[in-house]
Amino acid sequence: MDFDFTTLPPEDRYRLLTNFVGPRPIALVTTRSPQGVANAAPMSFFNVFGHDPAILALGIQPRLSGEDKDTVANIRATGEFVVHVVDAALAEQMLICGLSVDPDVDEMQLAGLEQAPCVQVKAPRIKGAACAMECRIERIIDWPRRAMVLGEVVQMHVRDDCLDAQGRYVNPDVYQPIARLHADNYVGSDRQFVLTAPTLDAVRAKTGR
């Protein structure tokens, strides 16, 4: 089957893209409104796009009315946010934070998540989360039905047990992120395996090329 994305309705483009581009990491994004209300919302249009500077990207749809969701409104107003990569321990709370509630409702409180202060931003982070990345806006790219938020990571909090003794790599027995597939389908990372690239000489010997 072939699909012409220049004529395909947006909902069909979304369905195809989310069916085949995955698994996608999930960001649980916390912000604080100018009025001081904490907000938390999951985003699966998310990834890291650089390390120098350290840049994260969030793709966030507006409400059906066309107005910004609370996360984007808070980011525009304050210039900052915090990204937590969702792992198995945060899965249920992530779903609760994704429920549609009024702007004056604190999703962190609703989900039973305890706040902890950040170092360089005023938005709260989730106490006990495997990792939390404090971000400041680098830029926002606006389309009619999507805001692309680029944030620079200025501080990262990592729970001690998530790293090896040298503090270099994650401990896969402890840190097990989950990822979004399509619809309500997710995948875990509890079945990790190692792939080692062959040498070029071995490939040439096998293929004769």
C-alpha atoms as a PDB file:
ATOM      1  CA  MET A   1       0.000   0.000   0.000  1.00  0.00           C
ATOM      2  CA  ASP A   2       1.094   3.553  -0.719  1.00  0.00           C
ATOM      3  CA  PHE A   3      -0.101   6.668   1.097  1.00  0.00           C
ATOM      4  CA  ASP A   4       0.199  10.206  -0.258  1.00  0.00           C
ATOM      5  CA  PHE A   5       0.816  12.263   2.880  1.00  0.00           C
ATOM      6  CA  THR A   6       0.171  15.492   0.967  1.00  0.00           C
ATOM      7  CA  THR A   7      -3.499  14.519   0.580  1.00  0.00           C
ATOM      8  CA  LEU A   8      -4.013  12.123   3.500  1.00  0.00           C
ATOM      9  CA  PRO A   9      -6.183  13.438   6.392  1.00  0.00           C
ATOM     10  CA  PRO A  10      -4.154  14.337   9.517  1.00  0.00           C
ATOM     11  CA  GLU A  11      -5.742  11.597  11.645  1.00  0.00           C
ATOM     12  CA  ASP A  12      -4.628   8.969   9.113  1.00  0.00           C
ATOM     13  CA  ARG A  13      -1.094  10.390   9.010  1.00  0.00           C
ATOM     14  CA  TYR A  14      -1.001  10.226  12.812  1.00  0.00           C
ATOM     15  CA  ARG A  15      -2.220   6.625  12.825  1.00  0.00           C
ATOM     16  CA  LEU A  16       0.386   5.471  10.300  1.00  0.00           C
ATOM     17  CA  LEU A  17       3.275   7.370  11.868  1.00  0.00           C
ATOM     18  CA  THR A  18       2.566   6.136  15.389  1.00  0.00           C
ATOM     19  CA  ASN A  19       2.034   2.584  14.139  1.00  0.00           C
ATOM     20  CA  PHE A  20       5.442   2.372  12.508  1.00  0.00           C
ATOM     21  CA  VAL A  21       7.691   4.893  14.263  1.00  0.00           C
ATOM     22  CA  GLY A  22       8.261   3.161  17.555  1.00  0.00           C
ATOM     23  CA  PRO A  23       8.823   2.281  20.206  1.00  0.00           C
ATOM     24  CA  ARG A  24       8.903   5.937  21.281  1.00  0.00           C
ATOM     25  CA  PRO A  25      10.282   7.006  24.672  1.00  0.00           C
ATOM     26  CA  ILE A  26       7.783   8.750  26.915  1.00  0.00           C
ATOM     27  CA  ALA A  27       8.501  12.036  28.639  1.00  0.00           C
ATOM     28  CA  LEU A  28       6.557  12.883  31.772  1.00  0.00           C
ATOM     29  CA  VAL A  29       6.875  16.666  31.668  1.00  0.00           C
ATOM     30  CA  THR A  30       6.424  18.807  34.755  1.00  0.00           C
ATOM     31  CA  THR A  31       5.884  22.567  34.701  1.00  0.00           C
ATOM     32  CA  ARG A  32       4.596  25.247  37.026  1.00  0.00           C
ATOM     33  CA  SER A  33       2.079  27.873  36.012  1.00  0.00           C
ATOM     34  CA  PRO A  34       2.663  31.571  36.737  1.00  0.00           C
ATOM     35  CA  GLN A  35       0.004  31.138  39.449  1.00  0.00           C
ATOM     36  CA  GLY A  36       2.105  28.410  41.112  1.00  0.00           C
ATOM     37  CA  VAL A  37       0.053  25.350  40.074  1.00  0.00           C
ATOM     38  CA  ALA A  38       2.147  22.283  39.243  1.00  0.00           C
ATOM     39  CA  ASN A  39       1.346  20.404  36.043  1.00  0.00           C
ATOM     40  CA  ALA A  40       2.455  17.002  34.792  1.00  0.00           C
ATOM     41  CA  ALA A  41       1.682  15.482  31.393  1.00  0.00           C
ATOM     42  CA  PRO A  42       3.062  12.579  29.328  1.00  0.00           C
ATOM     43  CA  MET A  43       4.440  13.155  25.825  1.00  0.00           C
ATOM     44  CA  SER A  44       5.361  10.341  23.447  1.00  0.00           C
ATOM     45  CA  PHE A  45       6.425  12.647  20.615  1.00  0.00           C
ATOM     46  CA  PHE A  46       9.742  13.113  22.385  1.00  0.00           C
ATOM     47  CA  ASN A  47      13.435  12.400  22.050  1.00  0.00           C
ATOM     48  CA  VAL A  48      16.955  13.739  22.602  1.00  0.00           C
ATOM     49  CA  PHE A  49      18.557  15.463  19.608  1.00  0.00           C
ATOM     50  CA  GLY A  50      21.988  16.560  20.722  1.00  0.00           C
ATOM     51  CA  HIS A  51      24.521  16.702  23.531  1.00  0.00           C
ATOM     52  CA  ASP A  52      26.523  19.859  22.791  1.00  0.00           C
ATOM     53  CA  PRO A  53      24.294  21.637  23.563  1.00  0.00           C
ATOM     54  CA  ALA A  54      22.077  18.996  25.168  1.00  0.00           C
ATOM     55  CA  ILE A  55      18.746  19.401  23.360  1.00  0.00           C
ATOM     56  CA  LEU A  56      15.443  17.616  23.966  1.00  0.00           C
ATOM     57  CA  ALA A  57      12.425  17.949  21.678  1.00  0.00           C
ATOM     58  CA  LEU A  58       8.741  17.693  22.578  1.00  0.00           C
ATOM     59  CA  GLY A  59       5.963  17.672  19.989  1.00  0.00           C
ATOM     60  CA  ILE A  60       2.721  18.831  21.622  1.00  0.00           C
ATOM     61  CA  GLN A  61      -0.711  19.132  20.038  1.00  0.00           C
ATOM     62  CA  PRO A  62      -3.071  21.929  21.096  1.00  0.00           C
ATOM     63  CA  ARG A  63      -6.509  21.312  22.552  1.00  0.00           C
ATOM     64  CA  LEU A  64      -9.362  20.628  20.139  1.00  0.00           C
ATOM     65  CA  SER A  65     -10.326  24.281  20.594  1.00  0.00           C
ATOM     66  CA  GLY A  66      -6.918  25.292  19.245  1.00  0.00           C
ATOM     67  CA  GLU A  67      -5.706  26.649  22.587  1.00  0.00           C
ATOM     68  CA  ASP A  68      -2.406  25.557  24.097  1.00  0.00           C
ATOM     69  CA  LYS A  69      -2.449  22.680  26.537  1.00  0.00           C
ATOM     70  CA  ASP A  70      -1.351  23.566  30.062  1.00  0.00           C
ATOM     71  CA  THR A  71       2.167  22.213  29.482  1.00  0.00           C
ATOM     72  CA  VAL A  72       2.823  24.480  26.504  1.00  0.00           C
ATOM     73  CA  ALA A  73       1.118  27.465  28.127  1.00  0.00           C
ATOM     74  CA  ASN A  74       3.319  27.063  31.208  1.00  0.00           C
ATOM     75  CA  ILE A  75       6.478  26.590  29.136  1.00  0.00           C
ATOM     76  CA  ARG A  76       5.737  29.742  27.139  1.00  0.00           C
ATOM     77  CA  ALA A  77       5.033  31.708  30.316  1.00  0.00           C
ATOM     78  CA  THR A  78       8.010  30.515  32.391  1.00  0.00           C
ATOM     79  CA  GLY A  79      10.572  29.385  29.818  1.00  0.00           C
ATOM     80  CA  GLU A  80      11.312  26.137  31.639  1.00  0.00           C
ATOM     81  CA  PHE A  81      10.201  22.545  32.227  1.00  0.00           C
ATOM     82  CA  VAL A  82      11.425  19.210  33.578  1.00  0.00           C
ATOM     83  CA  VAL A  83      11.487  15.926  31.644  1.00  0.00           C
ATOM     84  CA  HIS A  84      11.311  12.524  33.344  1.00  0.00           C
ATOM     85  CA  VAL A  85      11.780   9.465  31.132  1.00  0.00           C
ATOM     86  CA  VAL A  86       8.961   7.105  32.093  1.00  0.00           C
ATOM     87  CA  ASP A  87       9.997   3.713  33.447  1.00  0.00           C
ATOM     88  CA  ALA A  88       7.920   0.789  34.691  1.00  0.00           C
ATOM     89  CA  ALA A  89       7.637   2.294  38.171  1.00  0.00           C
ATOM     90  CA  LEU A  90       6.076   5.497  36.766  1.00  0.00           C
ATOM     91  CA  ALA A  91       3.734   3.841  34.264  1.00  0.00           C
ATOM     92  CA  GLU A  92       0.480   4.062  36.231  1.00  0.00           C
ATOM     93  CA  GLN A  93       1.119   7.621  37.395  1.00  0.00           C
ATOM     94  CA  MET A  94       1.965   8.591  33.817  1.00  0.00           C
ATOM     95  CA  LEU A  95      -1.486   7.441  32.673  1.00  0.00           C
ATOM     96  CA  ILE A  96      -3.177   9.408  35.456  1.00  0.00           C
ATOM     97  CA  CYS A  97      -1.241  12.542  34.500  1.00  0.00           C
ATOM     98  CA  GLY A  98      -2.543  12.122  30.954  1.00  0.00           C
ATOM     99  CA  LEU A  99      -6.181  12.482  32.014  1.00  0.00           C
ATOM    100  CA  SER A 100      -7.990  15.640  30.944  1.00  0.00           C
ATOM    101  CA  VAL A 101      -8.442  17.935  33.964  1.00  0.00           C
ATOM    102  CA  ASP A 102      -8.929  21.652  34.563  1.00  0.00           C
ATOM    103  CA  PRO A 103      -5.852  23.939  34.610  1.00  0.00           C
ATOM    104  CA  ASP A 104      -6.140  24.476  38.375  1.00  0.00           C
ATOM    105  CA  VAL A 105      -5.790  20.728  39.081  1.00  0.00           C
ATOM    106  CA  ASP A 106      -2.336  19.562  40.181  1.00  0.00           C
ATOM    107  CA  GLU A 107      -1.764  16.316  38.253  1.00  0.00           C
ATOM    108  CA  MET A 108       1.214  15.422  40.423  1.00  0.00           C
ATOM    109  CA  GLN A 109      -0.986  15.478  43.492  1.00  0.00           C
ATOM    110  CA  LEU A 110      -3.750  13.623  41.637  1.00  0.00           C
ATOM    111  CA  ALA A 111      -1.302  10.843  40.695  1.00  0.00           C
ATOM    112  CA  GLY A 112       0.228  10.636  44.162  1.00  0.00           C
ATOM    113  CA  LEU A 113       3.607  11.948  43.004  1.00  0.00           C
ATOM    114  CA  GLU A 114       5.753  13.793  45.524  1.00  0.00           C
ATOM    115  CA  GLN A 115       7.431  17.002  44.390  1.00  0.00           C
ATOM    116  CA  ALA A 116      11.102  17.780  44.852  1.00  0.00           C
ATOM    117  CA  PRO A 117      12.790  21.123  44.138  1.00  0.00           C
ATOM    118  CA  CYS A 118      14.999  21.612  41.118  1.00  0.00           C
ATOM    119  CA  VAL A 119      18.386  23.330  41.091  1.00  0.00           C
ATOM    120  CA  GLN A 120      18.269  25.662  38.089  1.00  0.00           C
ATOM    121  CA  VAL A 121      14.550  25.936  37.276  1.00  0.00           C
ATOM    122  CA  LYS A 122      11.487  26.696  39.379  1.00  0.00           C
ATOM    123  CA  ALA A 123       9.340  23.877  37.964  1.00  0.00           C
ATOM    124  CA  PRO A 124       9.121  20.854  40.288  1.00  0.00           C
ATOM    125  CA  ARG A 125      10.575  17.435  39.632  1.00  0.00           C
ATOM    126  CA  ILE A 126       9.218  14.061  40.722  1.00  0.00           C
ATOM    127  CA  LYS A 127      10.876  12.810  43.886  1.00  0.00           C
ATOM    128  CA  GLY A 128      12.319   9.318  43.446  1.00  0.00           C
ATOM    129  CA  ALA A 129      12.131   9.285  39.647  1.00  0.00           C
ATOM    130  CA  ALA A 130      14.905   7.420  37.865  1.00  0.00           C
ATOM    131  CA  CYS A 131      16.010  10.563  36.066  1.00  0.00           C
ATOM    132  CA  ALA A 132      14.836  14.150  35.755  1.00  0.00           C
ATOM    133  CA  MET A 133      16.213  16.691  33.315  1.00  0.00           C
ATOM    134  CA  GLU A 134      15.807  20.378  34.066  1.00  0.00           C
ATOM    135  CA  CYS A 135      15.310  22.283  30.813  1.00  0.00           C
ATOM    136  CA  ARG A 136      15.127  25.839  29.580  1.00  0.00           C
ATOM    137  CA  ILE A 137      13.520  26.769  26.275  1.00  0.00           C
ATOM    138  CA  GLU A 138      15.954  26.934  23.389  1.00  0.00           C
ATOM    139  CA  ARG A 139      13.180  27.736  20.927  1.00  0.00           C
ATOM    140  CA  ILE A 140       9.594  26.849  20.049  1.00  0.00           C
ATOM    141  CA  ILE A 141       8.530  26.116  16.483  1.00  0.00           C
ATOM    142  CA  ASP A 142       4.808  26.611  15.967  1.00  0.00           C
ATOM    143  CA  TRP A 143       2.608  24.925  13.386  1.00  0.00           C
ATOM    144  CA  PRO A 144      -1.204  25.169  13.354  1.00  0.00           C
ATOM    145  CA  ARG A 145      -1.634  21.739  14.995  1.00  0.00           C
ATOM    146  CA  ARG A 146       1.676  21.166  16.736  1.00  0.00           C
ATOM    147  CA  ALA A 147       4.210  23.041  18.867  1.00  0.00           C
ATOM    148  CA  MET A 148       7.761  21.730  18.687  1.00  0.00           C
ATOM    149  CA  VAL A 149       9.470  22.649  21.949  1.00  0.00           C
ATOM    150  CA  LEU A 150      13.263  22.476  21.945  1.00  0.00           C
ATOM    151  CA  GLY A 151      14.723  22.582  25.417  1.00  0.00           C
ATOM    152  CA  GLU A 152      18.311  22.706  26.609  1.00  0.00           C
ATOM    153  CA  VAL A 153      19.084  20.373  29.506  1.00  0.00           C
ATOM    154  CA  VAL A 154      20.822  22.428  32.196  1.00  0.00           C
ATOM    155  CA  GLN A 155      20.713  19.945  35.100  1.00  0.00           C
ATOM    156  CA  MET A 156      20.133  16.189  35.325  1.00  0.00           C
ATOM    157  CA  HIS A 157      19.148  14.239  38.428  1.00  0.00           C
ATOM    158  CA  VAL A 158      19.794  10.475  38.393  1.00  0.00           C
ATOM    159  CA  ARG A 159      18.786   8.121  41.197  1.00  0.00           C
ATOM    160  CA  ASP A 160      21.934   6.447  42.530  1.00  0.00           C
ATOM    161  CA  ASP A 161      20.809   2.856  41.963  1.00  0.00           C
ATOM    162  CA  CYS A 162      20.135   3.498  38.265  1.00  0.00           C
ATOM    163  CA  LEU A 163      23.834   3.770  37.404  1.00  0.00           C
ATOM    164  CA  ASP A 164      26.693   1.291  37.636  1.00  0.00           C
ATOM    165  CA  ALA A 165      29.442   1.630  40.241  1.00  0.00           C
ATOM    166  CA  GLN A 166      31.461   3.874  37.938  1.00  0.00           C
ATOM    167  CA  GLY A 167      28.487   6.135  37.274  1.00  0.00           C
ATOM    168  CA  ARG A 168      28.825   5.716  33.517  1.00  0.00           C
ATOM    169  CA  TYR A 169      26.048   3.418  32.312  1.00  0.00           C
ATOM    170  CA  VAL A 170      22.547   2.575  33.465  1.00  0.00           C
ATOM    171  CA  ASN A 171      21.902  -0.546  35.494  1.00  0.00           C
ATOM    172  CA  PRO A 172      19.417  -2.473  33.292  1.00  0.00           C
ATOM    173  CA  ASP A 173      18.173  -4.486  36.271  1.00  0.00           C
ATOM    174  CA  VAL A 174      16.959  -1.259  37.891  1.00  0.00           C
ATOM    175  CA  TYR A 175      16.269   1.265  35.146  1.00  0.00           C
ATOM    176  CA  GLN A 176      13.677  -0.214  32.785  1.00  0.00           C
ATOM    177  CA  PRO A 177      12.075   2.498  30.652  1.00  0.00           C
ATOM    178  CA  ILE A 178       8.849   1.773  28.836  1.00  0.00           C
ATOM    179  CA  ALA A 179       7.977   3.049  25.369  1.00  0.00           C
ATOM    180  CA  ARG A 180       4.830   3.783  23.409  1.00  0.00           C
ATOM    181  CA  LEU A 181       3.888   1.755  20.361  1.00  0.00           C
ATOM    182  CA  HIS A 182       0.426   2.463  18.934  1.00  0.00           C
ATOM    183  CA  ALA A 183      -2.947   3.142  20.572  1.00  0.00           C
ATOM    184  CA  ASP A 184      -2.749   1.691  24.116  1.00  0.00           C
ATOM    185  CA  ASN A 185       0.171  -0.613  23.332  1.00  0.00           C
ATOM    186  CA  TYR A 186       3.476  -0.207  25.150  1.00  0.00           C
ATOM    187  CA  VAL A 187       6.721  -2.155  25.335  1.00  0.00           C
ATOM    188  CA  GLY A 188       9.134  -2.692  28.214  1.00  0.00           C
ATOM    189  CA  SER A 189      12.914  -2.988  28.305  1.00  0.00           C
ATOM    190  CA  ASP A 190      13.172  -6.032  30.544  1.00  0.00           C
ATOM    191  CA  ARG A 191      14.342  -8.222  27.639  1.00  0.00           C
ATOM    192  CA  GLN A 192      17.452  -6.347  26.579  1.00  0.00           C
ATOM    193  CA  PHE A 193      20.090  -7.991  24.415  1.00  0.00           C
ATOM    194  CA  VAL A 194      23.504  -7.061  23.061  1.00  0.00           C
ATOM    195  CA  LEU A 195      24.262  -6.569  19.375  1.00  0.00           C
ATOM    196  CA  THR A 196      27.924  -6.238  18.403  1.00  0.00           C
ATOM    197  CA  ALA A 197      28.825  -4.956  14.941  1.00  0.00           C
ATOM    198  CA  PRO A 198      31.013  -7.306  12.852  1.00  0.00           C
ATOM    199  CA  THR A 199      34.325  -6.108  11.491  1.00  0.00           C
ATOM    200  CA  LEU A 200      34.408  -4.834   7.926  1.00  0.00           C
ATOM    201  CA  ASP A 201      36.862  -7.607   7.035  1.00  0.00           C
ATOM    202  CA  ALA A 202      34.434 -10.249   8.294  1.00  0.00           C
ATOM    203  CA  VAL A 203      31.602  -8.771   6.216  1.00  0.00           C
ATOM    204  CA  ARG A 204      33.733  -8.688   3.092  1.00  0.00           C
ATOM    205  CA  ALA A 205      34.913 -12.241   3.674  1.00  0.00           C
ATOM    206  CA  LYS A 206      31.311 -13.401   3.993  1.00  0.00           C
ATOM    207  CA  THR A 207      29.821 -11.452   1.092  1.00  0.00           C
ATOM    208  CA  GLY A 208      32.820 -11.234  -1.242  1.00  0.00           C
ATOM    209  CA  ARG A 209      32.280  -7.484  -1.611  1.00  0.00           C
END
